[in-house]
PDB file of N, CA and C in Angstrom:
ATOM      1  N   UNK A   1       0.806  -1.207   0.000  1.00  0.00           N
ATOM      2  CA  UNK A   1       0.000   0.000   0.000  1.00  0.00           C
ATOM      3  C   UNK A   1       0.852   1.276   0.000  1.00  0.00           C
ATOM      4  N   UNK A   2       1.973   1.331   0.718  1.00  0.00           N
ATOM      5  CA  UNK A   2       2.797   2.552   0.672  1.00  0.00           C
ATOM      6  C   UNK A   2       3.335   2.842  -0.726  1.00  0.00           C
ATOM      7  N   UNK A   3       3.613   1.792  -1.521  1.00  0.00           N
ATOM      8  CA  UNK A   3       4.119   2.036  -2.875  1.00  0.00           C
ATOM      9  C   UNK A   3       3.023   2.665  -3.740  1.00  0.00           C
ATOM     10  N   UNK A   4       1.760   2.332  -3.479  1.00  0.00           N
ATOM     11  CA  UNK A   4       0.659   2.944  -4.214  1.00  0.00           C
ATOM     12  C   UNK A   4       0.566   4.424  -3.876  1.00  0.00           C
ATOM     13  N   UNK A   5       0.692   4.771  -2.606  1.00  0.00           N
ATOM     14  CA  UNK A   5       0.655   6.184  -2.212  1.00  0.00           C
ATOM     15  C   UNK A   5       1.837   6.946  -2.815  1.00  0.00           C
ATOM     16  N   UNK A   6       3.002   6.329  -2.833  1.00  0.00           N
ATOM     17  CA  UNK A   6       4.175   6.972  -3.419  1.00  0.00           C
ATOM     18  C   UNK A   6       3.956   7.193  -4.921  1.00  0.00           C
ATOM     19  N   UNK A   7       3.411   6.198  -5.618  1.00  0.00           N
ATOM     20  CA  UNK A   7       3.125   6.335  -7.044  1.00  0.00           C
ATOM     21  C   UNK A   7       2.113   7.450  -7.295  1.00  0.00           C
ATOM     22  N   UNK A   8       1.042   7.483  -6.510  1.00  0.00           N
ATOM     23  CA  UNK A   8       0.037   8.526  -6.689  1.00  0.00           C
ATOM     24  C   UNK A   8       0.607   9.902  -6.378  1.00  0.00           C
ATOM     25  N   UNK A   9       1.466   9.997  -5.372  1.00  0.00           N
ATOM     26  CA  UNK A   9       2.079  11.275  -5.026  1.00  0.00           C
ATOM     27  C   UNK A   9       2.993  11.763  -6.144  1.00  0.00           C
ATOM     28  N   UNK A  10       3.820  10.885  -6.676  1.00  0.00           N
ATOM     29  CA  UNK A  10       4.729  11.264  -7.766  1.00  0.00           C
ATOM     30  C   UNK A  10       3.935  11.646  -9.009  1.00  0.00           C
ATOM     31  N   UNK A  11       2.899  10.905  -9.320  1.00  0.00           N
ATOM     32  CA  UNK A  11       2.059  11.223 -10.480  1.00  0.00           C
ATOM     33  C   UNK A  11       1.366  12.567 -10.299  1.00  0.00           C
ATOM     34  N   UNK A  12       0.864  12.840  -9.102  1.00  0.00           N
ATOM     35  CA  UNK A  12       0.207  14.121  -8.834  1.00  0.00           C
ATOM     36  C   UNK A  12       1.208  15.271  -8.922  1.00  0.00           C
ATOM     37  N   UNK A  13       2.419  15.067  -8.439  1.00  0.00           N
ATOM     38  CA  UNK A  13       3.443  16.113  -8.523  1.00  0.00           C
ATOM     39  C   UNK A  13       3.815  16.401  -9.971  1.00  0.00           C
ATOM     40  N   UNK A  14       3.997  15.372 -10.779  1.00  0.00           N
ATOM     41  CA  UNK A  14       4.331  15.571 -12.194  1.00  0.00           C
ATOM     42  C   UNK A  14       3.194  16.283 -12.929  1.00  0.00           C
ATOM     43  N   UNK A  15       1.963  15.916 -12.632  1.00  0.00           N
ATOM     44  CA  UNK A  15       0.818  16.569 -13.268  1.00  0.00           C
ATOM     45  C   UNK A  15       0.719  18.029 -12.843  1.00  0.00           C
ATOM     46  N   UNK A  16       0.953  18.303 -11.564  1.00  0.00           N
ATOM     47  CA  UNK A  16       0.855  19.689 -11.094  1.00  0.00           C
ATOM     48  C   UNK A  16       1.978  20.546 -11.681  1.00  0.00           C
ATOM     49  N   UNK A  17       3.172  20.004 -11.816  1.00  0.00           N
ATOM     50  CA  UNK A  17       4.272  20.752 -12.441  1.00  0.00           C
ATOM     51  C   UNK A  17       3.958  21.028 -13.905  1.00  0.00           C
ATOM     52  N   UNK A  18       3.396  20.044 -14.593  1.00  0.00           N
ATOM     53  CA  UNK A  18       3.033  20.226 -16.000  1.00  0.00           C
ATOM     54  C   UNK A  18       1.970  21.299 -16.158  1.00  0.00           C
ATOM     55  N   UNK A  19       0.913  21.227 -15.358  1.00  0.00           N
ATOM     56  CA  UNK A  19      -0.155  22.217 -15.464  1.00  0.00           C
ATOM     57  C   UNK A  19       0.312  23.604 -15.049  1.00  0.00           C
ATOM     58  N   UNK A  20       1.189  23.692 -14.064  1.00  0.00           N
ATOM     59  CA  UNK A  20       1.728  24.991 -13.660  1.00  0.00           C
ATOM     60  C   UNK A  20       2.573  25.586 -14.785  1.00  0.00           C
ATOM     61  N   UNK A  21       3.362  24.764 -15.439  1.00  0.00           N
ATOM     62  CA  UNK A  21       4.156  25.236 -16.571  1.00  0.00           C
ATOM     63  C   UNK A  21       3.292  25.711 -17.717  1.00  0.00           C
ATOM     64  N   UNK A  22       2.241  24.977 -18.022  1.00  0.00           N
ATOM     65  CA  UNK A  22       1.322  25.392 -19.083  1.00  0.00           C
ATOM     66  C   UNK A  22       0.621  26.691 -18.719  1.00  0.00           C
ATOM     67  N   UNK A  23       0.260  26.850 -17.465  1.00  0.00           N
ATOM     68  CA  UNK A  23      -0.395  28.082 -17.022  1.00  0.00           C
ATOM     69  C   UNK A  23       0.539  29.284 -17.172  1.00  0.00           C
ATOM     70  N   UNK A  24       1.786  29.105 -16.771  1.00  0.00           N
ATOM     71  CA  UNK A  24       2.753  30.200 -16.889  1.00  0.00           C
ATOM     72  C   UNK A  24       2.982  30.544 -18.354  1.00  0.00           C
ATOM     73  N   UNK A  25       3.108  29.548 -19.209  1.00  0.00           N
ATOM     74  CA  UNK A  25       3.298  29.812 -20.636  1.00  0.00           C
ATOM     75  C   UNK A  25       2.085  30.512 -21.242  1.00  0.00           C
ATOM     76  N   UNK A  26       0.893  30.164 -20.788  1.00  0.00           N
ATOM     77  CA  UNK A  26      -0.323  30.757 -21.356  1.00  0.00           C
ATOM     78  C   UNK A  26      -0.537  32.183 -20.883  1.00  0.00           C
ATOM     79  N   UNK A  27      -0.096  32.524 -19.681  1.00  0.00           N
ATOM     80  CA  UNK A  27      -0.382  33.855 -19.146  1.00  0.00           C
ATOM     81  C   UNK A  27       0.762  34.838 -19.345  1.00  0.00           C
ATOM     82  N   UNK A  28       1.997  34.384 -19.352  1.00  0.00           N
ATOM     83  CA  UNK A  28       3.147  35.297 -19.408  1.00  0.00           C
ATOM     84  C   UNK A  28       3.622  35.596 -20.823  1.00  0.00           C
ATOM     85  N   UNK A  29       3.494  34.643 -21.714  1.00  0.00           N
ATOM     86  CA  UNK A  29       4.064  34.792 -23.050  1.00  0.00           C
ATOM     87  C   UNK A  29       2.951  34.853 -24.083  1.00  0.00           C
ATOM     88  N   UNK A  30       2.611  36.073 -24.505  1.00  0.00           N
ATOM     89  CA  UNK A  30       1.567  36.273 -25.505  1.00  0.00           C
ATOM     90  C   UNK A  30       2.219  36.391 -26.881  1.00  0.00           C
ATOM     91  N   UNK A  31       1.714  35.703 -27.889  1.00  0.00           N
ATOM     92  CA  UNK A  31       2.290  35.836 -29.227  1.00  0.00           C
ATOM     93  C   UNK A  31       1.943  37.191 -29.835  1.00  0.00           C
ATOM     94  N   UNK A  32       2.800  37.671 -30.728  1.00  0.00           N
ATOM     95  CA  UNK A  32       2.524  38.920 -31.419  1.00  0.00           C
ATOM     96  C   UNK A  32       1.385  38.703 -32.410  1.00  0.00           C
ATOM     97  N   UNK A  33       0.466  39.668 -32.459  1.00  0.00           N
ATOM     98  CA  UNK A  33      -0.659  39.544 -33.375  1.00  0.00           C
ATOM     99  C   UNK A  33      -0.226  39.972 -34.767  1.00  0.00           C
ATOM    100  N   UNK A  34      -0.627  39.196 -35.754  1.00  0.00           N
ATOM    101  CA  UNK A  34      -0.293  39.476 -37.139  1.00  0.00           C
ATOM    102  C   UNK A  34      -1.550  39.343 -37.980  1.00  0.00           C
ATOM    103  N   UNK A  35      -1.600  40.149 -39.022  1.00  0.00           N
ATOM    104  CA  UNK A  35      -2.711  40.047 -39.963  1.00  0.00           C
ATOM    105  C   UNK A  35      -2.300  39.103 -41.085  1.00  0.00           C
ATOM    106  N   UNK A  36      -3.087  38.092 -41.288  1.00  0.00           N
ATOM    107  CA  UNK A  36      -2.795  37.106 -42.325  1.00  0.00           C
ATOM    108  C   UNK A  36      -3.942  37.120 -43.322  1.00  0.00           C
ATOM    109  N   UNK A  37      -3.602  37.275 -44.583  1.00  0.00           N
ATOM    110  CA  UNK A  37      -4.633  37.203 -45.621  1.00  0.00           C
ATOM    111  C   UNK A  37      -4.146  36.275 -46.727  1.00  0.00           C
ATOM    112  N   UNK A  38      -4.959  35.295 -47.038  1.00  0.00           N
ATOM    113  CA  UNK A  38      -4.623  34.333 -48.083  1.00  0.00           C
ATOM    114  C   UNK A  38      -5.815  34.244 -49.026  1.00  0.00           C
ATOM    115  N   UNK A  39      -5.551  34.167 -50.314  1.00  0.00           N
ATOM    116  CA  UNK A  39      -6.657  33.981 -51.238  1.00  0.00           C
ATOM    117  C   UNK A  39      -7.236  32.573 -51.114  1.00  0.00           C
ATOM    118  N   UNK A  40      -8.544  32.495 -51.184  1.00  0.00           N
ATOM    119  CA  UNK A  40      -9.215  31.202 -51.116  1.00  0.00           C
ATOM    120  C   UNK A  40      -9.444  30.735 -52.549  1.00  0.00           C
ATOM    121  N   UNK A  41      -8.952  29.559 -52.913  1.00  0.00           N
ATOM    122  CA  UNK A  41      -9.116  29.113 -54.298  1.00  0.00           C
ATOM    123  C   UNK A  41     -10.588  28.844 -54.644  1.00  0.00           C
ATOM    124  N   UNK A  42     -10.944  29.144 -55.880  1.00  0.00           N
ATOM    125  CA  UNK A  42     -12.278  28.892 -56.432  1.00  0.00           C
ATOM    126  C   UNK A  42     -13.375  29.669 -55.746  1.00  0.00           C
ATOM    127  N   UNK A  43     -13.071  30.822 -55.181  1.00  0.00           N
ATOM    128  CA  UNK A  43     -14.103  31.677 -54.591  1.00  0.00           C
ATOM    129  C   UNK A  43     -14.029  33.037 -55.291  1.00  0.00           C
ATOM    130  N   UNK A  44     -15.159  33.445 -55.840  1.00  0.00           N
ATOM    131  CA  UNK A  44     -15.207  34.735 -56.521  1.00  0.00           C
ATOM    132  C   UNK A  44     -16.052  35.678 -55.681  1.00  0.00           C
ATOM    133  N   UNK A  45     -15.553  36.889 -55.497  1.00  0.00           N
ATOM    134  CA  UNK A  45     -16.252  37.889 -54.708  1.00  0.00           C
ATOM    135  C   UNK A  45     -16.897  38.866 -55.657  1.00  0.00           C
ATOM    136  N   UNK A  46     -18.183  39.097 -55.451  1.00  0.00           N
ATOM    137  CA  UNK A  46     -18.892  40.072 -56.270  1.00  0.00           C
ATOM    138  C   UNK A  46     -18.603  41.473 -55.721  1.00  0.00           C
ATOM    139  N   UNK A  47     -18.131  42.318 -56.591  1.00  0.00           N
ATOM    140  CA  UNK A  47     -17.820  43.680 -56.169  1.00  0.00           C
ATOM    141  C   UNK A  47     -19.072  44.552 -56.312  1.00  0.00           C
ATOM    142  N   UNK A  48     -19.290  45.448 -55.357  1.00  0.00           N
ATOM    143  CA  UNK A  48     -20.474  46.337 -55.472  1.00  0.00           C
ATOM    144  C   UNK A  48     -20.324  47.292 -56.668  1.00  0.00           C
ATOM    145  N   UNK A  49     -21.451  47.573 -57.304  1.00  0.00           N
ATOM    146  CA  UNK A  49     -21.408  48.409 -58.494  1.00  0.00           C
ATOM    147  C   UNK A  49     -21.832  49.808 -58.217  1.00  0.00           C
TER     148      UNK A  49
END
């Protein structure tokens, strides 16, 4: 039974470190916003007259 508790503790610690790292990456490092425009093939836009 103690080995089960040790396994669960280690697994919980690894999961908490992973989630904490993801949280820090999501909140501290914002990507630069860029405008991207690509033509869509086979789509014709009607221009107003």
